[in-house]
C-alpha atoms as a PDB file:
ATOM      1  CA  MET A   1     139.915  50.480 -66.207  1.00  0.00           C
ATOM      2  CA  LYS A   2     141.137  51.536 -62.838  1.00  0.00           C
ATOM      3  CA  GLU A   3     140.736  55.189 -61.967  1.00  0.00           C
ATOM      4  CA  GLN A   4     143.996  55.430 -60.052  1.00  0.00           C
ATOM      5  CA  ARG A   5     147.194  53.690 -60.949  1.00  0.00           C
ATOM      6  CA  THR A   6     149.857  52.559 -58.509  1.00  0.00           C
ATOM      7  CA  ARG A   7     153.566  52.449 -59.073  1.00  0.00           C
ATOM      8  CA  SER A   8     153.613  48.645 -58.620  1.00  0.00           C
ATOM      9  CA  GLU A   9     150.950  48.261 -61.329  1.00  0.00           C
ATOM     10  CA  ALA A  10     152.954  50.545 -63.610  1.00  0.00           C
ATOM     11  CA  ASN A  11     156.070  48.439 -63.044  1.00  0.00           C
ATOM     12  CA  GLU A  12     154.147  45.262 -63.860  1.00  0.00           C
ATOM     13  CA  ALA A  13     152.816  46.843 -67.052  1.00  0.00           C
ATOM     14  CA  ARG A  14     156.299  47.869 -68.114  1.00  0.00           C
ATOM     15  CA  ALA A  15     157.578  44.341 -67.468  1.00  0.00           C
ATOM     16  CA  ARG A  16     155.074  42.719 -69.862  1.00  0.00           C
ATOM     17  CA  PRO A  17     156.436  41.770 -73.302  1.00  0.00           C
ATOM     18  CA  ILE A  18     154.751  44.066 -75.815  1.00  0.00           C
ATOM     19  CA  GLY A  19     156.867  43.805 -78.921  1.00  0.00           C
ATOM     20  CA  LEU A  20     158.863  46.994 -78.420  1.00  0.00           C
ATOM     21  CA  ASP A  21     161.437  48.159 -80.902  1.00  0.00           C
ATOM     22  CA  SER A  22     165.031  48.716 -79.791  1.00  0.00           C
ATOM     23  CA  PHE A  23     164.517  52.424 -79.028  1.00  0.00           C
ATOM     24  CA  ASP A  24     161.529  51.694 -76.782  1.00  0.00           C
ATOM     25  CA  ARG A  25     163.414  48.959 -74.984  1.00  0.00           C
ATOM     26  CA  ARG A  26     166.277  51.320 -74.154  1.00  0.00           C
ATOM     27  CA  VAL A  27     163.917  54.019 -72.910  1.00  0.00           C
ATOM     28  CA  LEU A  28     161.770  51.689 -70.856  1.00  0.00           C
ATOM     29  CA  LEU A  29     164.813  50.094 -69.270  1.00  0.00           C
ATOM     30  CA  ARG A  30     165.780  53.588 -68.131  1.00  0.00           C
ATOM     31  CA  LEU A  31     162.233  54.053 -66.818  1.00  0.00           C
ATOM     32  CA  SER A  32     162.720  51.106 -64.465  1.00  0.00           C
ATOM     33  CA  GLY A  33     165.651  52.932 -62.906  1.00  0.00           C
ATOM     34  CA  ALA A  34     163.693  56.181 -62.886  1.00  0.00           C
ATOM     35  CA  ALA A  35     161.000  54.541 -60.780  1.00  0.00           C
ATOM     36  CA  ALA A  36     163.544  53.945 -58.041  1.00  0.00           C
ATOM     37  CA  LEU A  37     164.679  57.561 -58.266  1.00  0.00           C
ATOM     38  CA  ALA A  38     161.056  58.655 -58.021  1.00  0.00           C
ATOM     39  CA  ALA A  39     160.596  56.786 -54.770  1.00  0.00           C
ATOM     40  CA  ALA A  40     163.484  58.705 -53.274  1.00  0.00           C
ATOM     41  CA  ALA A  41     162.421  62.024 -54.775  1.00  0.00           C
ATOM     42  CA  LYS A  42     158.841  61.846 -53.569  1.00  0.00           C
ATOM     43  CA  PRO A  43     158.338  59.271 -50.806  1.00  0.00           C
ATOM     44  CA  VAL A  44     154.967  60.698 -49.749  1.00  0.00           C
ATOM     45  CA  THR A  45     152.477  60.226 -52.590  1.00  0.00           C
ATOM     46  CA  ALA A  46     148.783  60.929 -53.008  1.00  0.00           C
ATOM     47  CA  ALA A  47     148.097  57.372 -51.916  1.00  0.00           C
ATOM     48  CA  THR A  48     149.362  58.273 -48.443  1.00  0.00           C
ATOM     49  CA  THR A  49     147.862  61.770 -48.210  1.00  0.00           C
ATOM     50  CA  GLY A  50     144.277  60.578 -48.481  1.00  0.00           C
ATOM     51  CA  ARG A  51     143.372  63.139 -51.161  1.00  0.00           C
ATOM     52  CA  PRO A  52     142.588  62.429 -54.811  1.00  0.00           C
ATOM     53  CA  GLN A  53     145.476  62.570 -57.229  1.00  0.00           C
ATOM     54  CA  VAL A  54     145.984  65.812 -59.163  1.00  0.00           C
ATOM     55  CA  CYS A  55     147.813  66.547 -62.401  1.00  0.00           C
ATOM     56  CA  ILE A  56     148.374  69.907 -64.098  1.00  0.00           C
ATOM     57  CA  TYR A  57     147.545  70.751 -67.701  1.00  0.00           C
ATOM     58  CA  THR A  58     150.772  71.755 -69.414  1.00  0.00           C
ATOM     59  CA  GLU A  59     149.557  74.105 -72.175  1.00  0.00           C
ATOM     60  CA  HIS A  60     150.471  77.267 -70.315  1.00  0.00           C
ATOM     61  CA  PHE A  61     153.900  75.921 -69.376  1.00  0.00           C
ATOM     62  CA  GLN A  62     154.933  75.107 -72.942  1.00  0.00           C
ATOM     63  CA  SER A  63     157.645  77.770 -72.907  1.00  0.00           C
ATOM     64  CA  LEU A  64     159.512  75.403 -70.558  1.00  0.00           C
ATOM     65  CA  PRO A  65     161.055  72.072 -71.581  1.00  0.00           C
ATOM     66  CA  ILE A  66     159.310  69.047 -70.115  1.00  0.00           C
ATOM     67  CA  PRO A  67     162.032  68.234 -67.508  1.00  0.00           C
ATOM     68  CA  GLN A  68     161.768  71.790 -66.171  1.00  0.00           C
ATOM     69  CA  VAL A  69     157.960  71.538 -66.090  1.00  0.00           C
ATOM     70  CA  CYS A  70     158.366  68.359 -64.050  1.00  0.00           C
ATOM     71  CA  LYS A  71     160.651  70.161 -61.614  1.00  0.00           C
ATOM     72  CA  VAL A  72     158.071  72.954 -61.199  1.00  0.00           C
ATOM     73  CA  PHE A  73     155.186  70.510 -60.707  1.00  0.00           C
ATOM     74  CA  GLN A  74     157.202  68.482 -58.197  1.00  0.00           C
ATOM     75  CA  LYS A  75     157.812  71.635 -56.173  1.00  0.00           C
ATOM     76  CA  ILE A  76     154.104  72.536 -56.263  1.00  0.00           C
ATOM     77  CA  GLY A  77     153.381  69.062 -54.905  1.00  0.00           C
ATOM     78  CA  VAL A  78     151.025  67.548 -57.475  1.00  0.00           C
ATOM     79  CA  ASP A  79     151.119  63.989 -58.753  1.00  0.00           C
ATOM     80  CA  GLY A  80     151.588  64.328 -62.471  1.00  0.00           C
ATOM     81  CA  LEU A  81     151.147  65.922 -65.878  1.00  0.00           C
ATOM     82  CA  ASP A  82     148.234  66.363 -68.243  1.00  0.00           C
ATOM     83  CA  LEU A  83     150.583  66.523 -71.210  1.00  0.00           C
ATOM     84  CA  THR A  84     149.709  68.264 -74.491  1.00  0.00           C
ATOM     85  CA  VAL A  85     150.423  65.972 -77.464  1.00  0.00           C
ATOM     86  CA  ARG A  86     149.025  67.880 -80.425  1.00  0.00           C
ATOM     87  CA  PRO A  87     150.236  70.429 -82.977  1.00  0.00           C
ATOM     88  CA  GLY A  88     151.665  73.346 -81.028  1.00  0.00           C
ATOM     89  CA  GLY A  89     151.765  71.279 -77.834  1.00  0.00           C
ATOM     90  CA  HIS A  90     154.637  70.029 -75.743  1.00  0.00           C
ATOM     91  CA  ILE A  91     154.934  67.077 -78.144  1.00  0.00           C
ATOM     92  CA  ASP A  92     153.921  67.142 -81.791  1.00  0.00           C
ATOM     93  CA  PRO A  93     151.996  63.973 -82.749  1.00  0.00           C
ATOM     94  CA  ARG A  94     154.612  63.264 -85.434  1.00  0.00           C
ATOM     95  CA  ASP A  95     157.213  62.842 -82.687  1.00  0.00           C
ATOM     96  CA  VAL A  96     155.145  60.884 -80.163  1.00  0.00           C
ATOM     97  CA  VAL A  97     156.912  57.518 -80.538  1.00  0.00           C
ATOM     98  CA  GLU A  98     160.284  59.049 -79.730  1.00  0.00           C
ATOM     99  CA  ARG A  99     159.414  61.897 -77.354  1.00  0.00           C
ATOM    100  CA  LEU A 100     156.558  60.582 -75.200  1.00  0.00           C
ATOM    101  CA  PRO A 101     158.715  57.849 -73.570  1.00  0.00           C
ATOM    102  CA  ARG A 102     161.278  60.523 -72.747  1.00  0.00           C
ATOM    103  CA  ALA A 103     158.569  62.697 -71.181  1.00  0.00           C
ATOM    104  CA  VAL A 104     157.401  59.772 -69.043  1.00  0.00           C
ATOM    105  CA  GLU A 105     160.991  59.141 -67.998  1.00  0.00           C
ATOM    106  CA  ALA A 106     161.464  62.807 -67.032  1.00  0.00           C
ATOM    107  CA  ALA A 107     158.252  62.749 -65.010  1.00  0.00           C
ATOM    108  CA  ARG A 108     159.227  59.631 -63.084  1.00  0.00           C
ATOM    109  CA  GLU A 109     162.658  61.029 -62.338  1.00  0.00           C
ATOM    110  CA  HIS A 110     160.777  63.773 -60.455  1.00  0.00           C
ATOM    111  CA  GLY A 111     158.367  61.407 -58.695  1.00  0.00           C
ATOM    112  CA  LEU A 112     155.519  62.188 -61.093  1.00  0.00           C
ATOM    113  CA  GLU A 113     153.483  60.409 -63.752  1.00  0.00           C
ATOM    114  CA  VAL A 114     152.174  61.432 -67.139  1.00  0.00           C
ATOM    115  CA  MET A 115     148.608  60.723 -66.072  1.00  0.00           C
ATOM    116  CA  MET A 116     146.802  61.658 -69.298  1.00  0.00           C
ATOM    117  CA  LEU A 117     147.339  63.255 -72.677  1.00  0.00           C
ATOM    118  CA  THR A 118     145.525  66.184 -74.251  1.00  0.00           C
ATOM    119  CA  THR A 119     145.358  65.419 -77.992  1.00  0.00           C
ATOM    120  CA  ASN A 120     143.620  66.629 -81.120  1.00  0.00           C
ATOM    121  CA  ILE A 121     142.372  63.159 -82.102  1.00  0.00           C
ATOM    122  CA  THR A 122     138.977  63.273 -83.841  1.00  0.00           C
ATOM    123  CA  ALA A 123     139.315  60.354 -86.277  1.00  0.00           C
ATOM    124  CA  PRO A 124     140.949  56.893 -86.278  1.00  0.00           C
ATOM    125  CA  ASP A 125     143.820  57.801 -88.572  1.00  0.00           C
ATOM    126  CA  GLY A 126     147.458  56.706 -88.543  1.00  0.00           C
ATOM    127  CA  ARG A 127     148.611  59.526 -86.312  1.00  0.00           C
ATOM    128  CA  ALA A 128     145.908  58.715 -83.750  1.00  0.00           C
ATOM    129  CA  GLU A 129     146.964  55.065 -83.782  1.00  0.00           C
ATOM    130  CA  ALA A 130     150.605  55.991 -83.130  1.00  0.00           C
ATOM    131  CA  ILE A 131     149.553  57.990 -80.062  1.00  0.00           C
ATOM    132  CA  LEU A 132     147.281  55.240 -78.755  1.00  0.00           C
ATOM    133  CA  LYS A 133     149.863  52.513 -79.319  1.00  0.00           C
ATOM    134  CA  THR A 134     152.516  54.537 -77.497  1.00  0.00           C
ATOM    135  CA  CYS A 135     150.091  55.176 -74.630  1.00  0.00           C
ATOM    136  CA  GLN A 136     149.577  51.434 -74.224  1.00  0.00           C
ATOM    137  CA  ARG A 137     153.324  50.866 -74.053  1.00  0.00           C
ATOM    138  CA  LEU A 138     153.674  53.509 -71.339  1.00  0.00           C
ATOM    139  CA  ASN A 139     150.593  52.581 -69.274  1.00  0.00           C
ATOM    140  CA  ILE A 140     148.734  55.839 -70.038  1.00  0.00           C
ATOM    141  CA  ASP A 141     145.142  54.669 -70.078  1.00  0.00           C
ATOM    142  CA  ARG A 142     143.141  57.758 -71.052  1.00  0.00           C
ATOM    143  CA  ILE A 143     143.371  60.709 -73.364  1.00  0.00           C
ATOM    144  CA  LYS A 144     141.412  63.861 -74.068  1.00  0.00           C
ATOM    145  CA  MET A 145     140.124  63.970 -77.633  1.00  0.00           C
ATOM    146  CA  GLY A 146     140.081  66.957 -79.982  1.00  0.00           C
ATOM    147  CA  TYR A 147     137.093  69.104 -80.879  1.00  0.00           C
ATOM    148  CA  TYR A 148     134.322  68.917 -83.468  1.00  0.00           C
ATOM    149  CA  ALA A 149     132.973  72.147 -84.984  1.00  0.00           C
ATOM    150  CA  VAL A 150     129.235  72.672 -84.555  1.00  0.00           C
ATOM    151  CA  GLY A 151     128.759  73.374 -88.254  1.00  0.00           C
ATOM    152  CA  GLU A 152     126.008  75.222 -90.083  1.00  0.00           C
ATOM    153  CA  PHE A 153     122.997  76.508 -88.166  1.00  0.00           C
ATOM    154  CA  GLY A 154     119.865  74.453 -88.804  1.00  0.00           C
ATOM    155  CA  LYS A 155     121.736  71.170 -89.249  1.00  0.00           C
ATOM    156  CA  LEU A 156     122.639  70.338 -85.658  1.00  0.00           C
ATOM    157  CA  THR A 157     120.840  66.981 -85.531  1.00  0.00           C
ATOM    158  CA  LYS A 158     122.718  65.780 -88.592  1.00  0.00           C
ATOM    159  CA  ARG A 159     125.992  67.114 -87.228  1.00  0.00           C
ATOM    160  CA  MET A 160     125.512  65.348 -83.891  1.00  0.00           C
ATOM    161  CA  ASP A 161     124.963  62.082 -85.765  1.00  0.00           C
ATOM    162  CA  GLU A 162     128.206  62.634 -87.674  1.00  0.00           C
ATOM    163  CA  VAL A 163     130.100  63.295 -84.445  1.00  0.00           C
ATOM    164  CA  ARG A 164     128.580  60.185 -82.870  1.00  0.00           C
ATOM    165  CA  ARG A 165     129.874  58.036 -85.723  1.00  0.00           C
ATOM    166  CA  SER A 166     133.325  59.612 -85.436  1.00  0.00           C
ATOM    167  CA  LEU A 167     133.436  58.918 -81.697  1.00  0.00           C
ATOM    168  CA  GLU A 168     132.412  55.316 -82.247  1.00  0.00           C
ATOM    169  CA  ALA A 169     135.226  54.870 -84.772  1.00  0.00           C
ATOM    170  CA  VAL A 170     137.840  56.397 -82.459  1.00  0.00           C
ATOM    171  CA  ALA A 171     136.574  54.337 -79.526  1.00  0.00           C
ATOM    172  CA  LYS A 172     136.881  51.145 -81.585  1.00  0.00           C
ATOM    173  CA  LEU A 173     140.511  51.919 -82.417  1.00  0.00           C
ATOM    174  CA  ALA A 174     141.347  52.988 -78.851  1.00  0.00           C
ATOM    175  CA  ALA A 175     139.892  49.764 -77.419  1.00  0.00           C
ATOM    176  CA  LYS A 176     142.509  47.860 -79.399  1.00  0.00           C
ATOM    177  CA  TYR A 177     145.143  49.549 -77.217  1.00  0.00           C
ATOM    178  CA  ASP A 178     143.183  49.580 -73.940  1.00  0.00           C
ATOM    179  CA  VAL A 179     143.014  53.378 -73.914  1.00  0.00           C
ATOM    180  CA  ARG A 180     139.838  55.303 -73.130  1.00  0.00           C
ATOM    181  CA  PRO A 181     139.218  58.384 -75.320  1.00  0.00           C
ATOM    182  CA  CYS A 182     137.450  61.100 -73.337  1.00  0.00           C
ATOM    183  CA  VAL A 183     135.212  63.821 -74.770  1.00  0.00           C
ATOM    184  CA  HIS A 184     135.637  67.262 -73.227  1.00  0.00           C
ATOM    185  CA  VAL A 185     132.449  69.070 -72.201  1.00  0.00           C
ATOM    186  CA  HIS A 186     133.212  72.466 -73.702  1.00  0.00           C
ATOM    187  CA  SER A 187     131.080  75.538 -74.429  1.00  0.00           C
ATOM    188  CA  GLY A 188     130.548  77.734 -77.471  1.00  0.00           C
ATOM    189  CA  SER A 189     130.708  76.545 -81.069  1.00  0.00           C
ATOM    190  CA  THR A 190     131.932  72.992 -80.501  1.00  0.00           C
ATOM    191  CA  ILE A 191     130.236  69.630 -80.095  1.00  0.00           C
ATOM    192  CA  PRO A 192     129.498  68.904 -77.340  1.00  0.00           C
ATOM    193  CA  SER A 193     128.732  72.391 -76.029  1.00  0.00           C
ATOM    194  CA  SER A 194     127.098  71.076 -72.843  1.00  0.00           C
ATOM    195  CA  GLY A 195     127.014  67.977 -70.691  1.00  0.00           C
ATOM    196  CA  VAL A 196     123.455  67.198 -71.758  1.00  0.00           C
ATOM    197  CA  MET A 197     124.500  67.285 -75.422  1.00  0.00           C
ATOM    198  CA  LEU A 198     127.351  64.869 -74.678  1.00  0.00           C
ATOM    199  CA  TYR A 199     124.909  62.529 -72.957  1.00  0.00           C
ATOM    200  CA  GLU A 200     122.671  62.549 -76.017  1.00  0.00           C
ATOM    201  CA  ILE A 201     125.628  61.635 -78.218  1.00  0.00           C
ATOM    202  CA  ILE A 202     127.191  58.838 -76.138  1.00  0.00           C
ATOM    203  CA  ARG A 203     124.181  57.407 -74.305  1.00  0.00           C
ATOM    204  CA  GLU A 204     124.290  54.163 -76.342  1.00  0.00           C
ATOM    205  CA  MET A 205     128.069  53.713 -76.088  1.00  0.00           C
ATOM    206  CA  PRO A 206     129.675  51.445 -73.445  1.00  0.00           C
ATOM    207  CA  PRO A 207     131.214  53.517 -70.608  1.00  0.00           C
ATOM    208  CA  ASP A 208     134.377  51.415 -70.681  1.00  0.00           C
ATOM    209  CA  ARG A 209     134.964  52.409 -74.327  1.00  0.00           C
ATOM    210  CA  ILE A 210     134.361  56.180 -74.201  1.00  0.00           C
ATOM    211  CA  GLY A 211     134.649  58.694 -71.377  1.00  0.00           C
ATOM    212  CA  ALA A 212     133.055  61.995 -70.403  1.00  0.00           C
ATOM    213  CA  TYR A 213     135.566  64.699 -69.522  1.00  0.00           C
ATOM    214  CA  LEU A 214     133.847  67.129 -67.142  1.00  0.00           C
ATOM    215  CA  ASP A 215     134.947  70.766 -66.828  1.00  0.00           C
ATOM    216  CA  SER A 216     133.847  73.092 -64.006  1.00  0.00           C
ATOM    217  CA  HIS A 217     134.414  76.218 -66.111  1.00  0.00           C
ATOM    218  CA  HIS A 218     132.551  75.278 -69.272  1.00  0.00           C
ATOM    219  CA  MET A 219     129.768  73.380 -67.509  1.00  0.00           C
ATOM    220  CA  THR A 220     129.011  76.414 -65.341  1.00  0.00           C
ATOM    221  CA  ILE A 221     128.944  78.689 -68.391  1.00  0.00           C
ATOM    222  CA  THR A 222     126.409  76.470 -70.158  1.00  0.00           C
ATOM    223  CA  GLY A 223     124.736  74.966 -67.082  1.00  0.00           C
ATOM    224  CA  GLY A 224     124.061  78.028 -64.934  1.00  0.00           C
ATOM    225  CA  ALA A 225     122.954  77.437 -61.366  1.00  0.00           C
ATOM    226  CA  GLY A 226     121.867  73.818 -61.733  1.00  0.00           C
ATOM    227  CA  GLY A 227     122.343  72.540 -65.275  1.00  0.00           C
ATOM    228  CA  TRP A 228     125.930  71.442 -64.610  1.00  0.00           C
ATOM    229  CA  ARG A 229     124.709  69.273 -61.719  1.00  0.00           C
ATOM    230  CA  GLN A 230     122.023  67.660 -63.868  1.00  0.00           C
ATOM    231  CA  ALA A 231     124.598  66.950 -66.568  1.00  0.00           C
ATOM    232  CA  ILE A 232     126.855  65.207 -64.046  1.00  0.00           C
ATOM    233  CA  ASP A 233     123.866  63.097 -62.992  1.00  0.00           C
ATOM    234  CA  LEU A 234     123.229  62.031 -66.594  1.00  0.00           C
ATOM    235  CA  LEU A 235     126.888  61.329 -67.334  1.00  0.00           C
ATOM    236  CA  LYS A 236     127.647  59.326 -64.174  1.00  0.00           C
ATOM    237  CA  PRO A 237     128.583  56.019 -65.859  1.00  0.00           C
ATOM    238  CA  TRP A 238     130.937  57.734 -68.338  1.00  0.00           C
ATOM    239  CA  ILE A 239     132.815  60.170 -66.059  1.00  0.00           C
ATOM    240  CA  SER A 240     136.490  59.466 -66.687  1.00  0.00           C
ATOM    241  CA  LEU A 241     138.293  62.817 -66.354  1.00  0.00           C
ATOM    242  CA  VAL A 242     137.544  66.043 -64.479  1.00  0.00           C
ATOM    243  CA  ALA A 243     139.115  69.451 -65.185  1.00  0.00           C
ATOM    244  CA  LEU A 244     138.971  72.175 -62.542  1.00  0.00           C
ATOM    245  CA  LYS A 245     139.248  75.842 -63.533  1.00  0.00           C
ATOM    246  CA  ASN A 246     137.266  79.003 -62.925  1.00  0.00           C
ATOM    247  CA  PHE A 247     136.225  82.291 -64.515  1.00  0.00           C
ATOM    248  CA  GLN A 248     134.599  85.669 -64.015  1.00  0.00           C
ATOM    249  CA  TRP A 249     132.427  87.717 -66.361  1.00  0.00           C
ATOM    250  CA  ASP A 250     134.073  90.949 -67.526  1.00  0.00           C
ATOM    251  CA  LYS A 251     132.325  93.825 -69.306  1.00  0.00           C
ATOM    252  CA  SER A 252     133.271  94.313 -72.911  1.00  0.00           C
ATOM    253  CA  ALA A 253     132.301  97.104 -75.334  1.00  0.00           C
ATOM    254  CA  ARG A 254     128.617  97.728 -76.061  1.00  0.00           C
ATOM    255  CA  ASP A 255     127.399  96.910 -79.550  1.00  0.00           C
ATOM    256  CA  GLU A 256     126.176  99.498 -82.079  1.00  0.00           C
ATOM    257  CA  ILE A 257     122.675  99.711 -80.553  1.00  0.00           C
ATOM    258  CA  GLY A 258     123.840  99.797 -76.946  1.00  0.00           C
ATOM    259  CA  GLN A 259     123.647  96.149 -75.862  1.00  0.00           C
ATOM    260  CA  GLN A 260     126.200  95.457 -73.128  1.00  0.00           C
ATOM    261  CA  ARG A 261     128.527  92.632 -74.112  1.00  0.00           C
ATOM    262  CA  TRP A 262     130.447  90.370 -71.764  1.00  0.00           C
ATOM    263  CA  ARG A 263     133.379  88.011 -71.998  1.00  0.00           C
ATOM    264  CA  THR A 264     134.801  85.363 -69.699  1.00  0.00           C
ATOM    265  CA  ASN A 265     138.164  85.797 -68.035  1.00  0.00           C
ATOM    266  CA  TYR A 266     140.067  83.016 -66.292  1.00  0.00           C
ATOM    267  CA  CYS A 267     140.650  83.527 -62.583  1.00  0.00           C
ATOM    268  CA  ARG A 268     141.923  81.541 -59.609  1.00  0.00           C
ATOM    269  CA  LEU A 269     139.817  78.614 -58.471  1.00  0.00           C
ATOM    270  CA  ALA A 270     138.684  80.381 -55.296  1.00  0.00           C
ATOM    271  CA  ASP A 271     137.726  83.640 -57.033  1.00  0.00           C
ATOM    272  CA  GLY A 272     135.311  82.606 -59.758  1.00  0.00           C
ATOM    273  CA  ILE A 273     131.687  81.883 -60.541  1.00  0.00           C
ATOM    274  CA  ALA A 274     131.981  78.091 -60.797  1.00  0.00           C
ATOM    275  CA  PRO A 275     131.307  76.663 -57.299  1.00  0.00           C
ATOM    276  CA  ILE A 276     134.408  74.459 -57.089  1.00  0.00           C
ATOM    277  CA  PRO A 277     133.698  72.794 -53.695  1.00  0.00           C
ATOM    278  CA  ASP A 278     130.130  71.939 -54.751  1.00  0.00           C
ATOM    279  CA  PHE A 279     131.309  70.749 -58.167  1.00  0.00           C
ATOM    280  CA  VAL A 280     133.914  68.433 -56.627  1.00  0.00           C
ATOM    281  CA  ARG A 281     131.420  67.079 -54.082  1.00  0.00           C
ATOM    282  CA  THR A 282     128.871  66.410 -56.807  1.00  0.00           C
ATOM    283  CA  VAL A 283     131.394  64.595 -58.996  1.00  0.00           C
ATOM    284  CA  GLN A 284     132.413  62.418 -56.051  1.00  0.00           C
ATOM    285  CA  ARG A 285     128.788  61.834 -55.114  1.00  0.00           C
ATOM    286  CA  ALA A 286     128.336  60.541 -58.680  1.00  0.00           C
ATOM    287  CA  GLY A 287     130.901  57.856 -57.840  1.00  0.00           C
ATOM    288  CA  TYR A 288     134.004  59.303 -59.462  1.00  0.00           C
ATOM    289  CA  ARG A 289     137.175  58.209 -57.659  1.00  0.00           C
ATOM    290  CA  GLY A 290     139.761  59.182 -60.243  1.00  0.00           C
ATOM    291  CA  PHE A 291     142.242  62.009 -60.497  1.00  0.00           C
ATOM    292  CA  PHE A 292     141.581  65.685 -61.233  1.00  0.00           C
ATOM    293  CA  THR A 293     143.404  67.829 -63.754  1.00  0.00           C
ATOM    294  CA  LEU A 294     144.114  71.398 -62.702  1.00  0.00           C
ATOM    295  CA  HIS A 295     143.687  73.803 -65.627  1.00  0.00           C
ATOM    296  CA  THR A 296     145.512  77.017 -64.847  1.00  0.00           C
ATOM    297  CA  GLU A 297     144.878  78.724 -68.154  1.00  0.00           C
ATOM    298  CA  TYR A 298     146.166  82.117 -67.109  1.00  0.00           C
ATOM    299  CA  ARG A 299     147.303  84.519 -69.802  1.00  0.00           C
ATOM    300  CA  LEU A 300     150.281  85.509 -67.691  1.00  0.00           C
ATOM    301  CA  PRO A 301     154.080  85.250 -67.787  1.00  0.00           C
ATOM    302  CA  VAL A 302     155.117  81.750 -66.836  1.00  0.00           C
ATOM    303  CA  ASP A 303     156.468  82.741 -63.393  1.00  0.00           C
ATOM    304  CA  ASP A 304     153.111  84.294 -62.485  1.00  0.00           C
ATOM    305  CA  CYS A 305     151.292  81.266 -63.858  1.00  0.00           C
ATOM    306  CA  ILE A 306     153.398  79.037 -61.601  1.00  0.00           C
ATOM    307  CA  LYS A 307     152.502  81.137 -58.554  1.00  0.00           C
ATOM    308  CA  TRP A 308     148.774  81.159 -59.323  1.00  0.00           C
ATOM    309  CA  THR A 309     148.863  77.420 -59.994  1.00  0.00           C
ATOM    310  CA  ALA A 310     150.468  76.799 -56.606  1.00  0.00           C
ATOM    311  CA  ASP A 311     147.742  78.947 -55.004  1.00  0.00           C
ATOM    312  CA  ASP A 312     145.067  76.921 -56.808  1.00  0.00           C
ATOM    313  CA  PHE A 313     146.520  73.638 -55.610  1.00  0.00           C
ATOM    314  CA  THR A 314     146.624  74.919 -52.018  1.00  0.00           C
ATOM    315  CA  PHE A 315     142.945  75.859 -52.303  1.00  0.00           C
ATOM    316  CA  LEU A 316     142.083  72.523 -53.914  1.00  0.00           C
ATOM    317  CA  LYS A 317     143.665  70.625 -51.031  1.00  0.00           C
ATOM    318  CA  ARG A 318     141.336  72.531 -48.673  1.00  0.00           C
ATOM    319  CA  VAL A 319     138.395  71.524 -50.873  1.00  0.00           C
ATOM    320  CA  PHE A 320     139.411  67.854 -50.685  1.00  0.00           C
ATOM    321  CA  ALA A 321     140.005  68.038 -46.922  1.00  0.00           C
ATOM    322  CA  ARG A 322     136.517  69.395 -46.304  1.00  0.00           C
ATOM    323  CA  GLY A 323     134.984  66.453 -48.108  1.00  0.00           C
END
């Protein structure tokens, strides 16, 4: 699968006969007109700027309707949306067939694309298939999967085997619709909780069937000064998505015997512990040429979140320009 899509390729995909029902046909006919509006709304695209494409994760903009989110993202200057399609997200999975085409239409009316979905898919059930089938119709070729709990202490090997089998089953279903499911490298009590753990789980799976979703925040938490770089090295063939966000360590209360406790706190890209320029360079050195998703997970009022997100994108453009 191609890492970056072009508008001409998207138009060709929409023109192919794919057995759409009458609702989909009406929506996708409108999308053809929206593409023309997009060209007028945003004549200078990432393809002409020379930088990688960037989308923004929509979780912390969910108080806004999707058309308004698109207007905000267009003003910031990014290329698209990392749209939440999960319970509590911008679109509930039960409504994906009806609402996802409308979200794509709204994005294109603002010169943007829905570049990926963030889902809670962990098994090849009917709801997962509805999402994947709708993605194929709309030329969305990759999704973020949901999370697997680490389970009981002492049984990690068994649990990793169970997760591996689940990933293989989801990947088999997703291949039917030419969508790549991507596994987020998280931290804490989920599987995987590091890039090395993800490598151990997917090392026998074809890279065109399953993707690694790198994350500068979580990989720095679990990878320290150099472990995140080693994980990128191991995961090179599978790298399919990259999230950029940052954090600082804040003091919390001491425990009952006096041990100082700490917690992470999200901060702007330029202000945190994760070395964003080095992380981006390393990902590109590994051969990744796809888009980046900007995770501005600030626990702030939406207007402040918009401002900090715009600041992050300005900084990220400087990172890309430095090469």
